[in-house]
Amino acid sequence: MKPTQATYGYYKNRPLFEKWDIAVGILLLLALTAMLLIIFVPHGGQIVEIYKNGELIAEYPLDENRAFEVGGVRIEIFKGTVSVKESNCPDKLCVHAAPISASGSTIICVPNKLVIKITGKAEVEGVTQ
């Protein structure tokens, strides 16, 4: 069946978006924004734990900016992330490590026997069997 000229005219005069198309688009955009905020905004209650030789030596809240030094390693907590800024170890792998911000993330400096770990409410929870 071949389309008629009247069929082409119907689609030509029709608006590109109906009002319901726009409403659904806005709802999808709001849902996407909410999901991204839940995923990427740091959750309160997270703690930075510093371990030296396997012993907990300090705890700091992740949401307070500060810089401090532990055994030749300068650590910085800034805007919800933790990073190592300077270290006296030879390879400086801990300095080149990406800043961490999620619960369960760690930065380890093996020569200095230092572990920096974020604990608190897990951002992603799952069930294992």
N, C-alpha and C. Protein backbone atom coordinates (compact mmCIF):
# COMPACT_ATOMS: atom_id res chain seq x y z
N MET A 1 0.84 -1.18 0.00
CA MET A 1 0.00 0.00 0.00
C MET A 1 0.89 1.24 0.00
N LYS A 2 0.63 2.08 -0.92
CA LYS A 2 1.43 3.29 -1.10
C LYS A 2 0.81 4.44 -0.29
N PRO A 3 1.66 5.19 0.53
CA PRO A 3 1.10 6.30 1.30
C PRO A 3 0.59 7.40 0.38
N THR A 4 -0.46 8.02 0.82
CA THR A 4 -1.07 9.08 0.01
C THR A 4 -0.49 10.43 0.39
N GLN A 5 -0.81 11.43 -0.39
CA GLN A 5 -0.36 12.79 -0.13
C GLN A 5 -0.95 13.30 1.19
N ALA A 6 -2.13 12.87 1.55
CA ALA A 6 -2.80 13.30 2.79
C ALA A 6 -2.00 12.81 4.01
N THR A 7 -1.41 11.61 3.95
CA THR A 7 -0.61 11.08 5.05
C THR A 7 0.63 11.94 5.27
N TYR A 8 1.27 12.34 4.19
CA TYR A 8 2.45 13.19 4.32
C TYR A 8 2.09 14.54 4.92
N GLY A 9 0.96 15.07 4.57
CA GLY A 9 0.52 16.35 5.09
C GLY A 9 0.25 16.30 6.58
N TYR A 10 -0.27 15.17 7.07
CA TYR A 10 -0.55 15.02 8.50
C TYR A 10 0.74 15.15 9.32
N TYR A 11 1.79 14.47 8.90
CA TYR A 11 3.04 14.52 9.64
C TYR A 11 3.77 15.84 9.44
N LYS A 12 3.58 16.48 8.32
CA LYS A 12 4.24 17.75 8.05
C LYS A 12 3.69 18.86 8.93
N ASN A 13 2.42 18.86 9.21
CA ASN A 13 1.79 19.90 10.00
C ASN A 13 1.77 19.59 11.51
N ARG A 14 2.25 18.45 11.88
CA ARG A 14 2.23 18.03 13.28
C ARG A 14 3.46 18.59 14.00
N PRO A 15 3.33 19.06 15.27
CA PRO A 15 4.51 19.57 16.00
C PRO A 15 5.48 18.43 16.31
N LEU A 16 6.74 18.80 16.45
CA LEU A 16 7.78 17.80 16.70
C LEU A 16 7.57 17.10 18.04
N PHE A 17 7.23 17.85 19.09
CA PHE A 17 7.00 17.29 20.42
C PHE A 17 5.61 17.66 20.91
N GLU A 18 4.92 16.69 21.46
CA GLU A 18 3.65 16.95 22.11
C GLU A 18 3.93 17.33 23.56
N LYS A 19 2.89 17.83 24.27
CA LYS A 19 3.11 18.24 25.66
C LYS A 19 3.48 17.06 26.54
N TRP A 20 2.98 15.86 26.26
CA TRP A 20 3.33 14.69 27.08
C TRP A 20 4.77 14.25 26.81
N ASP A 21 5.25 14.42 25.60
CA ASP A 21 6.64 14.10 25.29
C ASP A 21 7.58 14.97 26.13
N ILE A 22 7.24 16.24 26.25
CA ILE A 22 8.06 17.17 27.03
C ILE A 22 8.01 16.81 28.51
N ALA A 23 6.82 16.45 29.01
CA ALA A 23 6.67 16.08 30.43
C ALA A 23 7.48 14.82 30.75
N VAL A 24 7.43 13.83 29.89
CA VAL A 24 8.20 12.60 30.11
C VAL A 24 9.70 12.90 30.04
N GLY A 25 10.11 13.75 29.12
CA GLY A 25 11.52 14.13 29.02
C GLY A 25 12.02 14.81 30.28
N ILE A 26 11.20 15.72 30.83
CA ILE A 26 11.59 16.41 32.07
C ILE A 26 11.68 15.43 33.23
N LEU A 27 10.72 14.50 33.34
CA LEU A 27 10.78 13.49 34.40
C LEU A 27 12.02 12.60 34.29
N LEU A 28 12.36 12.20 33.08
CA LEU A 28 13.57 11.39 32.89
C LEU A 28 14.82 12.18 33.26
N LEU A 29 14.87 13.44 32.91
CA LEU A 29 16.01 14.29 33.26
C LEU A 29 16.13 14.45 34.77
N LEU A 30 15.01 14.65 35.47
CA LEU A 30 15.04 14.75 36.93
C LEU A 30 15.49 13.44 37.58
N ALA A 31 15.03 12.31 37.06
CA ALA A 31 15.44 11.01 37.60
C ALA A 31 16.94 10.79 37.40
N LEU A 32 17.45 11.15 36.24
CA LEU A 32 18.89 11.01 35.97
C LEU A 32 19.70 11.90 36.90
N THR A 33 19.25 13.13 37.11
CA THR A 33 19.95 14.05 38.01
C THR A 33 19.97 13.50 39.43
N ALA A 34 18.85 12.98 39.90
CA ALA A 34 18.78 12.40 41.25
C ALA A 34 19.73 11.21 41.39
N MET A 35 19.79 10.36 40.37
CA MET A 35 20.70 9.21 40.42
C MET A 35 22.15 9.66 40.49
N LEU A 36 22.53 10.64 39.69
CA LEU A 36 23.91 11.11 39.70
C LEU A 36 24.26 11.75 41.03
N LEU A 37 23.34 12.48 41.64
CA LEU A 37 23.60 13.07 42.95
C LEU A 37 23.79 12.00 44.01
N ILE A 38 22.99 10.96 43.97
CA ILE A 38 23.12 9.87 44.95
C ILE A 38 24.45 9.17 44.79
N ILE A 39 24.88 8.99 43.56
CA ILE A 39 26.12 8.24 43.32
C ILE A 39 27.36 9.07 43.64
N PHE A 40 27.40 10.35 43.23
CA PHE A 40 28.64 11.09 43.28
C PHE A 40 28.79 12.07 44.45
N VAL A 41 27.75 12.36 45.17
CA VAL A 41 27.88 13.27 46.31
C VAL A 41 28.32 12.45 47.52
N PRO A 42 29.39 12.82 48.21
CA PRO A 42 29.84 12.05 49.36
C PRO A 42 28.77 12.03 50.45
N HIS A 43 28.62 10.86 51.06
CA HIS A 43 27.65 10.69 52.12
C HIS A 43 28.28 11.04 53.45
N GLY A 44 27.50 11.67 54.31
CA GLY A 44 28.00 12.02 55.63
C GLY A 44 28.32 10.79 56.46
N GLY A 45 29.12 10.97 57.48
CA GLY A 45 29.43 9.85 58.36
C GLY A 45 30.65 9.06 57.95
N GLN A 46 31.33 9.45 56.89
CA GLN A 46 32.52 8.72 56.47
C GLN A 46 33.72 9.22 57.27
N ILE A 47 34.57 8.27 57.64
CA ILE A 47 35.74 8.54 58.47
C ILE A 47 36.99 8.09 57.73
N VAL A 48 38.05 8.89 57.83
CA VAL A 48 39.35 8.51 57.30
C VAL A 48 40.14 7.90 58.44
N GLU A 49 40.55 6.65 58.28
CA GLU A 49 41.35 5.96 59.29
C GLU A 49 42.78 5.84 58.80
N ILE A 50 43.74 6.16 59.67
CA ILE A 50 45.16 6.08 59.35
C ILE A 50 45.76 4.96 60.20
N TYR A 51 46.36 3.98 59.53
CA TYR A 51 47.01 2.86 60.22
C TYR A 51 48.51 2.94 59.97
N LYS A 52 49.29 2.76 61.02
CA LYS A 52 50.75 2.70 60.92
C LYS A 52 51.17 1.39 61.58
N ASN A 53 51.91 0.56 60.87
CA ASN A 53 52.33 -0.76 61.35
C ASN A 53 51.13 -1.59 61.80
N GLY A 54 50.00 -1.45 61.10
CA GLY A 54 48.82 -2.24 61.40
C GLY A 54 47.98 -1.73 62.56
N GLU A 55 48.38 -0.65 63.20
CA GLU A 55 47.64 -0.10 64.34
C GLU A 55 46.98 1.22 63.94
N LEU A 56 45.73 1.38 64.37
CA LEU A 56 45.01 2.61 64.10
C LEU A 56 45.62 3.73 64.93
N ILE A 57 46.11 4.77 64.24
CA ILE A 57 46.74 5.88 64.99
C ILE A 57 45.94 7.17 64.92
N ALA A 58 45.02 7.29 63.93
CA ALA A 58 44.24 8.53 63.82
C ALA A 58 42.96 8.28 63.04
N GLU A 59 41.93 9.07 63.37
CA GLU A 59 40.66 9.07 62.65
C GLU A 59 40.24 10.52 62.44
N TYR A 60 39.81 10.82 61.21
CA TYR A 60 39.36 12.17 60.89
C TYR A 60 38.09 12.08 60.06
N PRO A 61 37.15 13.02 60.23
CA PRO A 61 35.97 13.03 59.36
C PRO A 61 36.35 13.43 57.94
N LEU A 62 35.71 12.79 56.98
CA LEU A 62 36.04 13.05 55.58
C LEU A 62 35.53 14.41 55.12
N ASP A 63 34.56 14.97 55.80
CA ASP A 63 33.98 16.23 55.35
C ASP A 63 34.66 17.48 55.92
N GLU A 64 35.75 17.31 56.68
CA GLU A 64 36.50 18.46 57.21
C GLU A 64 37.86 18.54 56.52
N ASN A 65 38.15 19.67 55.90
CA ASN A 65 39.43 19.85 55.20
C ASN A 65 40.55 19.97 56.22
N ARG A 66 41.67 19.27 55.97
CA ARG A 66 42.85 19.35 56.83
C ARG A 66 44.02 18.69 56.12
N ALA A 67 45.22 19.05 56.56
CA ALA A 67 46.45 18.43 56.09
C ALA A 67 47.28 18.08 57.31
N PHE A 68 47.95 16.93 57.29
CA PHE A 68 48.75 16.50 58.43
C PHE A 68 49.84 15.56 57.94
N GLU A 69 50.78 15.28 58.79
CA GLU A 69 51.91 14.43 58.44
C GLU A 69 51.99 13.25 59.40
N VAL A 70 52.26 12.07 58.84
CA VAL A 70 52.43 10.85 59.64
C VAL A 70 53.68 10.16 59.14
N GLY A 71 54.72 10.16 59.94
CA GLY A 71 55.95 9.43 59.61
C GLY A 71 56.55 9.77 58.26
N GLY A 72 56.63 11.03 57.90
CA GLY A 72 57.24 11.42 56.63
C GLY A 72 56.27 11.41 55.45
N VAL A 73 54.99 11.18 55.70
CA VAL A 73 53.99 11.17 54.64
C VAL A 73 53.00 12.29 54.93
N ARG A 74 52.85 13.23 53.98
CA ARG A 74 51.91 14.34 54.14
C ARG A 74 50.59 13.96 53.48
N ILE A 75 49.52 13.93 54.29
CA ILE A 75 48.20 13.50 53.85
C ILE A 75 47.28 14.72 53.86
N GLU A 76 46.41 14.80 52.84
CA GLU A 76 45.49 15.92 52.76
C GLU A 76 44.06 15.42 52.57
N ILE A 77 43.14 15.94 53.40
CA ILE A 77 41.71 15.70 53.23
C ILE A 77 41.14 17.02 52.71
N PHE A 78 40.56 16.97 51.51
CA PHE A 78 40.07 18.20 50.89
C PHE A 78 38.83 17.90 50.05
N LYS A 79 37.74 18.59 50.36
CA LYS A 79 36.47 18.47 49.63
C LYS A 79 36.00 17.03 49.49
N GLY A 80 36.07 16.27 50.57
CA GLY A 80 35.55 14.90 50.56
C GLY A 80 36.45 13.88 49.92
N THR A 81 37.71 14.23 49.65
CA THR A 81 38.66 13.26 49.10
C THR A 81 39.92 13.24 49.97
N VAL A 82 40.64 12.13 49.92
CA VAL A 82 41.89 11.97 50.66
C VAL A 82 42.98 11.65 49.65
N SER A 83 44.13 12.31 49.81
CA SER A 83 45.26 12.03 48.92
C SER A 83 46.56 12.20 49.68
N VAL A 84 47.61 11.58 49.17
CA VAL A 84 48.95 11.73 49.71
C VAL A 84 49.65 12.77 48.85
N LYS A 85 50.10 13.85 49.48
CA LYS A 85 50.74 14.94 48.74
C LYS A 85 52.26 14.78 48.66
N GLU A 86 52.89 14.30 49.73
CA GLU A 86 54.34 14.10 49.75
C GLU A 86 54.66 12.85 50.55
N SER A 87 55.76 12.20 50.18
CA SER A 87 56.20 11.02 50.91
C SER A 87 57.71 10.88 50.79
N ASN A 88 58.32 10.29 51.80
CA ASN A 88 59.76 10.07 51.77
C ASN A 88 60.13 8.69 51.23
N CYS A 89 59.17 7.94 50.69
CA CYS A 89 59.48 6.62 50.14
C CYS A 89 60.12 6.77 48.75
N PRO A 90 60.88 5.77 48.30
CA PRO A 90 61.64 5.92 47.06
C PRO A 90 60.79 6.00 45.79
N ASP A 91 59.76 5.16 45.64
CA ASP A 91 58.98 5.14 44.39
C ASP A 91 57.85 6.15 44.36
N LYS A 92 57.39 6.59 45.50
CA LYS A 92 56.29 7.56 45.63
C LYS A 92 55.02 7.11 44.92
N LEU A 93 54.73 5.81 45.01
CA LEU A 93 53.50 5.29 44.41
C LEU A 93 52.27 5.84 45.11
N CYS A 94 52.37 6.04 46.42
CA CYS A 94 51.23 6.58 47.17
C CYS A 94 50.93 8.02 46.77
N VAL A 95 51.94 8.78 46.38
CA VAL A 95 51.74 10.16 45.94
C VAL A 95 51.03 10.17 44.59
N HIS A 96 51.34 9.21 43.73
CA HIS A 96 50.74 9.15 42.40
C HIS A 96 49.38 8.47 42.39
N ALA A 97 48.97 7.88 43.52
CA ALA A 97 47.66 7.24 43.60
C ALA A 97 46.57 8.31 43.48
N ALA A 98 45.47 7.95 42.87
CA ALA A 98 44.34 8.88 42.72
C ALA A 98 43.72 9.16 44.08
N PRO A 99 43.19 10.35 44.29
CA PRO A 99 42.49 10.64 45.55
C PRO A 99 41.31 9.69 45.73
N ILE A 100 41.04 9.32 46.97
CA ILE A 100 39.94 8.40 47.25
C ILE A 100 38.82 9.15 47.96
N SER A 101 37.58 8.67 47.76
CA SER A 101 36.44 9.32 48.41
C SER A 101 35.34 8.34 48.81
N ALA A 102 35.38 7.11 48.35
CA ALA A 102 34.31 6.14 48.63
C ALA A 102 34.68 5.25 49.80
N SER A 103 33.66 4.81 50.53
CA SER A 103 33.88 3.88 51.64
C SER A 103 34.54 2.61 51.12
N GLY A 104 35.52 2.14 51.87
CA GLY A 104 36.25 0.93 51.48
C GLY A 104 37.48 1.20 50.63
N SER A 105 37.65 2.42 50.15
CA SER A 105 38.83 2.76 49.34
C SER A 105 40.05 2.91 50.23
N THR A 106 41.22 2.57 49.69
CA THR A 106 42.46 2.67 50.47
C THR A 106 43.59 3.23 49.61
N ILE A 107 44.54 3.85 50.31
CA ILE A 107 45.84 4.21 49.74
C ILE A 107 46.86 3.56 50.67
N ILE A 108 47.83 2.86 50.08
CA ILE A 108 48.80 2.13 50.89
C ILE A 108 50.21 2.59 50.52
N CYS A 109 51.02 2.88 51.52
CA CYS A 109 52.43 3.19 51.34
C CYS A 109 53.21 2.07 52.03
N VAL A 110 53.69 1.12 51.26
CA VAL A 110 54.34 -0.07 51.82
C VAL A 110 55.65 0.27 52.53
N PRO A 111 56.54 1.09 51.95
CA PRO A 111 57.80 1.37 52.66
C PRO A 111 57.59 2.03 54.02
N ASN A 112 56.57 2.86 54.15
CA ASN A 112 56.29 3.51 55.43
C ASN A 112 55.32 2.72 56.30
N LYS A 113 54.84 1.58 55.80
CA LYS A 113 53.87 0.73 56.51
C LYS A 113 52.65 1.54 56.94
N LEU A 114 52.10 2.29 55.97
CA LEU A 114 51.00 3.20 56.23
C LEU A 114 49.81 2.81 55.36
N VAL A 115 48.61 2.77 55.97
CA VAL A 115 47.38 2.49 55.25
C VAL A 115 46.39 3.61 55.56
N ILE A 116 45.82 4.20 54.51
CA ILE A 116 44.80 5.24 54.64
C ILE A 116 43.52 4.63 54.09
N LYS A 117 42.49 4.58 54.92
CA LYS A 117 41.27 3.87 54.56
C LYS A 117 40.05 4.72 54.90
N ILE A 118 39.03 4.69 54.03
CA ILE A 118 37.78 5.39 54.30
C ILE A 118 36.76 4.36 54.75
N THR A 119 36.14 4.63 55.88
CA THR A 119 35.10 3.74 56.40
C THR A 119 33.84 4.56 56.63
N GLY A 120 32.77 3.89 56.87
CA GLY A 120 31.50 4.57 57.11
C GLY A 120 30.43 3.90 56.31
N LYS A 121 29.37 4.65 56.04
CA LYS A 121 28.25 4.12 55.29
C LYS A 121 28.71 3.77 53.88
N ALA A 122 28.48 2.53 53.49
CA ALA A 122 28.88 2.08 52.15
C ALA A 122 28.01 2.75 51.10
N GLU A 123 28.61 3.18 50.00
CA GLU A 123 27.85 3.82 48.93
C GLU A 123 27.09 2.79 48.10
N VAL A 124 27.64 1.62 47.97
CA VAL A 124 26.96 0.57 47.23
C VAL A 124 26.86 -0.65 48.13
N GLU A 125 25.64 -1.10 48.35
CA GLU A 125 25.45 -2.27 49.18
C GLU A 125 24.99 -3.41 48.31
N GLY A 126 25.44 -4.61 48.61
CA GLY A 126 25.06 -5.75 47.83
C GLY A 126 24.92 -6.98 48.70
N VAL A 127 24.36 -8.02 48.11
CA VAL A 127 24.16 -9.28 48.83
C VAL A 127 25.01 -10.32 48.15
N THR A 128 25.78 -11.07 48.94
CA THR A 128 26.57 -12.15 48.38
C THR A 128 26.13 -13.46 49.02
N GLN A 129 26.36 -14.53 48.32
CA GLN A 129 25.98 -15.84 48.85
C GLN A 129 27.20 -16.72 48.97
